[in-house]
């Protein structure tokens, strides 16, 4: 039962983060992008910047930041590279800037967008 609640909470946090990004002017390209090499919670774009976003929901801010390990960063980067390779034809030769961001959401619904988090 506890695992289901964590899953639901994580999924809710990702949609909350996507709404936050949308309000900030980002287009949401993909939610929960999964590949054999890794996954990205949100792929978003604003202007010529494509962001691969990791969403973390925790009791407090520091626990959330600490939970983004080097292993998860590597997983996100690999999935981001896969996304770019898979969607290369859609880019129409535009030189996009790439960024790995994090969105932290705490129990009291505090939300923080960390650009270039890793």
Protein backbone atom coordinates (compact mmCIF):
# COMPACT_ATOMS: atom_id res chain seq x y z
CA UNK A 1 0.00 0.00 0.00
CA UNK A 2 2.79 2.43 0.87
CA UNK A 3 4.45 1.86 -2.52
CA UNK A 4 1.21 2.77 -4.33
CA UNK A 5 0.95 6.01 -2.35
CA UNK A 6 4.55 6.92 -3.27
CA UNK A 7 3.78 6.21 -6.92
CA UNK A 8 0.63 8.37 -6.86
CA UNK A 9 2.40 11.16 -5.02
CA UNK A 10 5.26 11.08 -7.52
CA UNK A 11 2.89 11.15 -10.47
CA UNK A 12 0.94 14.02 -8.90
CA UNK A 13 4.20 15.95 -8.30
CA UNK A 14 5.18 15.54 -11.95
CA UNK A 15 1.86 16.98 -13.14
CA UNK A 16 2.11 19.81 -10.61
CA UNK A 17 5.63 20.56 -11.90
CA UNK A 18 4.43 20.45 -15.52
CA UNK A 19 1.68 22.95 -14.73
CA UNK A 20 4.25 25.18 -13.01
CA UNK A 21 6.51 25.04 -16.08
CA UNK A 22 3.57 25.73 -18.40
CA UNK A 23 2.67 28.83 -16.39
CA UNK A 24 6.32 29.95 -16.69
CA UNK A 25 6.03 29.75 -20.50
CA UNK A 26 7.46 26.30 -21.21
CA UNK A 27 5.91 23.91 -23.66
CA UNK A 28 5.68 20.36 -22.34
CA UNK A 29 7.08 18.04 -25.00
CA UNK A 30 6.89 14.78 -23.08
CA UNK A 31 5.92 13.50 -19.66
CA UNK A 32 7.52 10.40 -18.16
CA UNK A 33 9.80 9.74 -21.12
CA UNK A 34 11.10 6.19 -20.63
CA UNK A 35 13.75 4.31 -22.57
CA UNK A 36 15.96 1.28 -22.00
CA UNK A 37 18.80 3.62 -21.00
CA UNK A 38 16.91 5.78 -18.53
CA UNK A 39 13.96 8.08 -18.01
CA UNK A 40 13.14 11.75 -17.73
CA UNK A 41 10.18 13.04 -15.73
CA UNK A 42 9.50 16.02 -18.02
CA UNK A 43 10.93 17.16 -21.34
CA UNK A 44 10.09 20.83 -21.81
CA UNK A 45 11.01 23.63 -24.18
CA UNK A 46 11.03 27.39 -23.96
CA UNK A 47 12.36 29.24 -26.97
CA UNK A 48 15.52 27.50 -28.14
CA UNK A 49 16.12 25.70 -24.83
CA UNK A 50 15.17 22.08 -24.25
CA UNK A 51 15.09 21.04 -20.60
CA UNK A 52 15.23 17.55 -19.17
CA UNK A 53 13.59 17.93 -15.78
CA UNK A 54 13.84 15.69 -12.73
CA UNK A 55 10.96 16.18 -10.28
CA UNK A 56 11.44 15.38 -6.60
CA UNK A 57 8.80 15.47 -3.89
CA UNK A 58 10.09 15.16 -0.34
CA UNK A 59 9.26 16.27 3.18
CA UNK A 60 11.84 19.05 2.99
CA UNK A 61 13.99 20.84 0.44
CA UNK A 62 17.38 19.45 1.45
CA UNK A 63 16.17 15.83 1.34
CA UNK A 64 14.87 16.40 -2.17
CA UNK A 65 18.11 17.94 -3.42
CA UNK A 66 20.16 15.18 -1.80
CA UNK A 67 18.03 12.52 -3.50
CA UNK A 68 19.26 13.51 -6.98
CA UNK A 69 22.24 11.17 -7.05
CA UNK A 70 25.03 10.95 -9.61
CA UNK A 71 23.41 7.72 -10.84
CA UNK A 72 20.06 9.42 -11.46
CA UNK A 73 21.80 12.35 -13.15
CA UNK A 74 23.50 9.91 -15.52
CA UNK A 75 20.18 8.15 -16.18
CA UNK A 76 18.53 11.47 -17.07
CA UNK A 77 21.37 12.52 -19.37
CA UNK A 78 21.28 9.19 -21.23
CA UNK A 79 17.51 9.41 -21.66
CA UNK A 80 17.88 13.02 -22.83
CA UNK A 81 20.40 11.97 -25.48
CA UNK A 82 18.00 9.24 -26.59
CA UNK A 83 15.16 11.75 -26.81
CA UNK A 84 17.26 14.08 -28.97
CA UNK A 85 18.30 11.25 -31.28
CA UNK A 86 14.72 10.03 -31.60
CA UNK A 87 13.32 13.51 -32.29
CA UNK A 88 16.13 14.89 -34.46
CA UNK A 89 13.91 15.23 -37.54
CA UNK A 90 11.48 17.46 -35.62
CA UNK A 91 14.19 19.99 -34.73
CA UNK A 92 14.43 21.31 -38.32
CA UNK A 93 18.14 22.03 -37.82
CA UNK A 94 17.50 24.49 -35.00
CA UNK A 95 20.43 24.83 -32.60
CA UNK A 96 18.79 24.12 -29.28
CA UNK A 97 20.47 24.78 -25.95
CA UNK A 98 20.17 21.80 -23.64
CA UNK A 99 19.72 21.90 -19.90
CA UNK A 100 19.16 19.47 -17.04
CA UNK A 101 16.87 21.04 -14.44
CA UNK A 102 15.27 19.92 -11.22
CA UNK A 103 11.96 20.86 -9.72
CA UNK A 104 11.70 20.39 -5.98
CA UNK A 105 8.31 20.13 -4.31
CA UNK A 106 8.05 19.89 -0.53
CA UNK A 107 5.27 18.66 1.71
CA UNK A 108 3.89 22.17 2.22
CA UNK A 109 3.71 22.55 -1.62
CA UNK A 110 6.73 24.84 -1.81
CA UNK A 111 8.05 24.54 -5.38
CA UNK A 112 11.45 25.54 -6.67
CA UNK A 113 12.77 25.29 -10.21
CA UNK A 114 16.55 24.84 -10.29
CA UNK A 115 17.89 25.60 -13.76
CA UNK A 116 21.12 23.81 -14.74
CA UNK A 117 20.83 21.66 -11.65
CA UNK A 118 23.44 19.22 -12.94
